[in-house]
Amino acid sequence: MTKVGRVVSDKMDKTVVVSVDYLRRHPLYRKTIRRTSKFKAHDEHNRCKVGDLVLIEETRPLSKTKRWIVREILERAQEI
């Protein structure tokens, strides 16, 4: 299984936190709501920076909370 999301934290060594947005309908009011999930992903060479759009893939447990690995950086963050 793969997901696409934005890197929101790169403070840890070889780990990034990736935020994945998805849309769900409200069960009663039927309005579309944007929801967010955060996943810790393994970044072997510390290439990801905050704001990068990345492709993550599910893998075996690498630590207590890390079950994803960064497969590809799809888009680099804008330099300010």
C-alpha atoms as a PDB file:
ATOM      1  CA  MET A   1       0.000   0.000   0.000  1.00  0.00           C
ATOM      2  CA  THR A   2       1.298   3.475  -0.842  1.00  0.00           C
ATOM      3  CA  LYS A   3       0.252   6.990   0.147  1.00  0.00           C
ATOM      4  CA  VAL A   4       1.235  10.501  -0.932  1.00  0.00           C
ATOM      5  CA  GLY A   5       1.728  13.243   1.659  1.00  0.00           C
ATOM      6  CA  ARG A   6       3.716  16.266   2.828  1.00  0.00           C
ATOM      7  CA  VAL A   7       6.643  16.136   5.224  1.00  0.00           C
ATOM      8  CA  VAL A   8       5.728  18.112   8.364  1.00  0.00           C
ATOM      9  CA  SER A   9       8.774  17.263  10.507  1.00  0.00           C
ATOM     10  CA  ASP A  10      12.347  16.151   9.807  1.00  0.00           C
ATOM     11  CA  LYS A  11      13.818  16.673  13.296  1.00  0.00           C
ATOM     12  CA  MET A  12      14.550  12.982  13.921  1.00  0.00           C
ATOM     13  CA  ASP A  13      17.515  11.082  12.490  1.00  0.00           C
ATOM     14  CA  LYS A  14      16.485   8.934   9.471  1.00  0.00           C
ATOM     15  CA  THR A  15      12.782   9.537  10.217  1.00  0.00           C
ATOM     16  CA  VAL A  16      10.236  12.013   8.860  1.00  0.00           C
ATOM     17  CA  VAL A  17       6.631  12.673   9.821  1.00  0.00           C
ATOM     18  CA  VAL A  18       4.342  12.662   6.775  1.00  0.00           C
ATOM     19  CA  SER A  19       0.872  14.223   6.830  1.00  0.00           C
ATOM     20  CA  VAL A  20      -1.664  12.585   4.478  1.00  0.00           C
ATOM     21  CA  ASP A  21      -4.950  14.387   3.712  1.00  0.00           C
ATOM     22  CA  TYR A  22      -8.114  12.603   2.619  1.00  0.00           C
ATOM     23  CA  LEU A  23     -11.790  13.519   2.172  1.00  0.00           C
ATOM     24  CA  ARG A  24     -14.724  11.979   4.061  1.00  0.00           C
ATOM     25  CA  ARG A  25     -18.412  12.790   4.103  1.00  0.00           C
ATOM     26  CA  HIS A  26     -20.005  13.785   7.403  1.00  0.00           C
ATOM     27  CA  PRO A  27     -22.343  10.943   8.427  1.00  0.00           C
ATOM     28  CA  LEU A  28     -25.316  13.200   9.253  1.00  0.00           C
ATOM     29  CA  TYR A  29     -24.841  16.437   7.289  1.00  0.00           C
ATOM     30  CA  ARG A  30     -23.201  14.920   4.167  1.00  0.00           C
ATOM     31  CA  LYS A  31     -20.703  17.772   3.858  1.00  0.00           C
ATOM     32  CA  THR A  32     -17.258  16.744   2.621  1.00  0.00           C
ATOM     33  CA  ILE A  33     -14.664  17.115   5.372  1.00  0.00           C
ATOM     34  CA  ARG A  34     -10.873  17.111   4.967  1.00  0.00           C
ATOM     35  CA  ARG A  35      -9.172  14.760   7.446  1.00  0.00           C
ATOM     36  CA  THR A  36      -5.455  14.318   8.171  1.00  0.00           C
ATOM     37  CA  SER A  37      -3.398  11.319   9.281  1.00  0.00           C
ATOM     38  CA  LYS A  38       0.256  11.458  10.293  1.00  0.00           C
ATOM     39  CA  PHE A  39       2.708   8.637   9.639  1.00  0.00           C
ATOM     40  CA  LYS A  40       6.336   8.216  10.675  1.00  0.00           C
ATOM     41  CA  ALA A  41       8.409   7.091   7.691  1.00  0.00           C
ATOM     42  CA  HIS A  42      11.998   5.874   7.363  1.00  0.00           C
ATOM     43  CA  ASP A  43      14.287   8.197   5.366  1.00  0.00           C
ATOM     44  CA  GLU A  44      17.611   6.351   5.144  1.00  0.00           C
ATOM     45  CA  HIS A  45      19.754   9.216   3.799  1.00  0.00           C
ATOM     46  CA  ASN A  46      17.960  12.179   5.453  1.00  0.00           C
ATOM     47  CA  ARG A  47      17.068  13.655   2.022  1.00  0.00           C
ATOM     48  CA  CYS A  48      13.539  14.848   2.907  1.00  0.00           C
ATOM     49  CA  LYS A  49      12.917  18.386   4.132  1.00  0.00           C
ATOM     50  CA  VAL A  50       9.798  20.011   5.582  1.00  0.00           C
ATOM     51  CA  GLY A  51       7.293  20.767   2.819  1.00  0.00           C
ATOM     52  CA  ASP A  52       8.419  18.030   0.398  1.00  0.00           C
ATOM     53  CA  LEU A  53       5.728  15.935  -1.297  1.00  0.00           C
ATOM     54  CA  VAL A  54       6.684  12.274  -0.852  1.00  0.00           C
ATOM     55  CA  LEU A  55       5.466   8.789  -1.740  1.00  0.00           C
ATOM     56  CA  ILE A  56       5.521   6.421   1.267  1.00  0.00           C
ATOM     57  CA  GLU A  57       5.088   2.655   1.230  1.00  0.00           C
ATOM     58  CA  GLU A  58       3.957   0.340   4.015  1.00  0.00           C
ATOM     59  CA  THR A  59       6.638  -2.037   5.296  1.00  0.00           C
ATOM     60  CA  ARG A  60       7.473  -4.252   8.268  1.00  0.00           C
ATOM     61  CA  PRO A  61       7.686  -2.562  11.696  1.00  0.00           C
ATOM     62  CA  LEU A  62      10.971  -0.653  11.896  1.00  0.00           C
ATOM     63  CA  SER A  63      10.428   0.701  15.416  1.00  0.00           C
ATOM     64  CA  LYS A  64       7.592   1.127  17.920  1.00  0.00           C
ATOM     65  CA  THR A  65       5.699   3.629  15.732  1.00  0.00           C
ATOM     66  CA  LYS A  66       7.469   3.486  12.351  1.00  0.00           C
ATOM     67  CA  ARG A  67       5.824   1.252   9.710  1.00  0.00           C
ATOM     68  CA  TRP A  68       6.395   3.253   6.500  1.00  0.00           C
ATOM     69  CA  ILE A  69       9.371   3.957   4.246  1.00  0.00           C
ATOM     70  CA  VAL A  70       9.942   6.912   1.892  1.00  0.00           C
ATOM     71  CA  ARG A  71      10.045   5.528  -1.662  1.00  0.00           C
ATOM     72  CA  GLU A  72      10.297   8.738  -3.692  1.00  0.00           C
ATOM     73  CA  ILE A  73      10.379  12.519  -3.347  1.00  0.00           C
ATOM     74  CA  LEU A  74       7.757  13.711  -5.822  1.00  0.00           C
ATOM     75  CA  GLU A  75       8.170  17.472  -5.341  1.00  0.00           C
ATOM     76  CA  ARG A  76      10.665  19.596  -3.448  1.00  0.00           C
ATOM     77  CA  ALA A  77       9.556  22.336  -1.043  1.00  0.00           C
ATOM     78  CA  GLN A  78       9.707  25.928  -2.275  1.00  0.00           C
ATOM     79  CA  GLU A  79      12.873  27.751  -1.201  1.00  0.00           C
ATOM     80  CA  ILE A  80      12.167  31.061   0.520  1.00  0.00           C
END
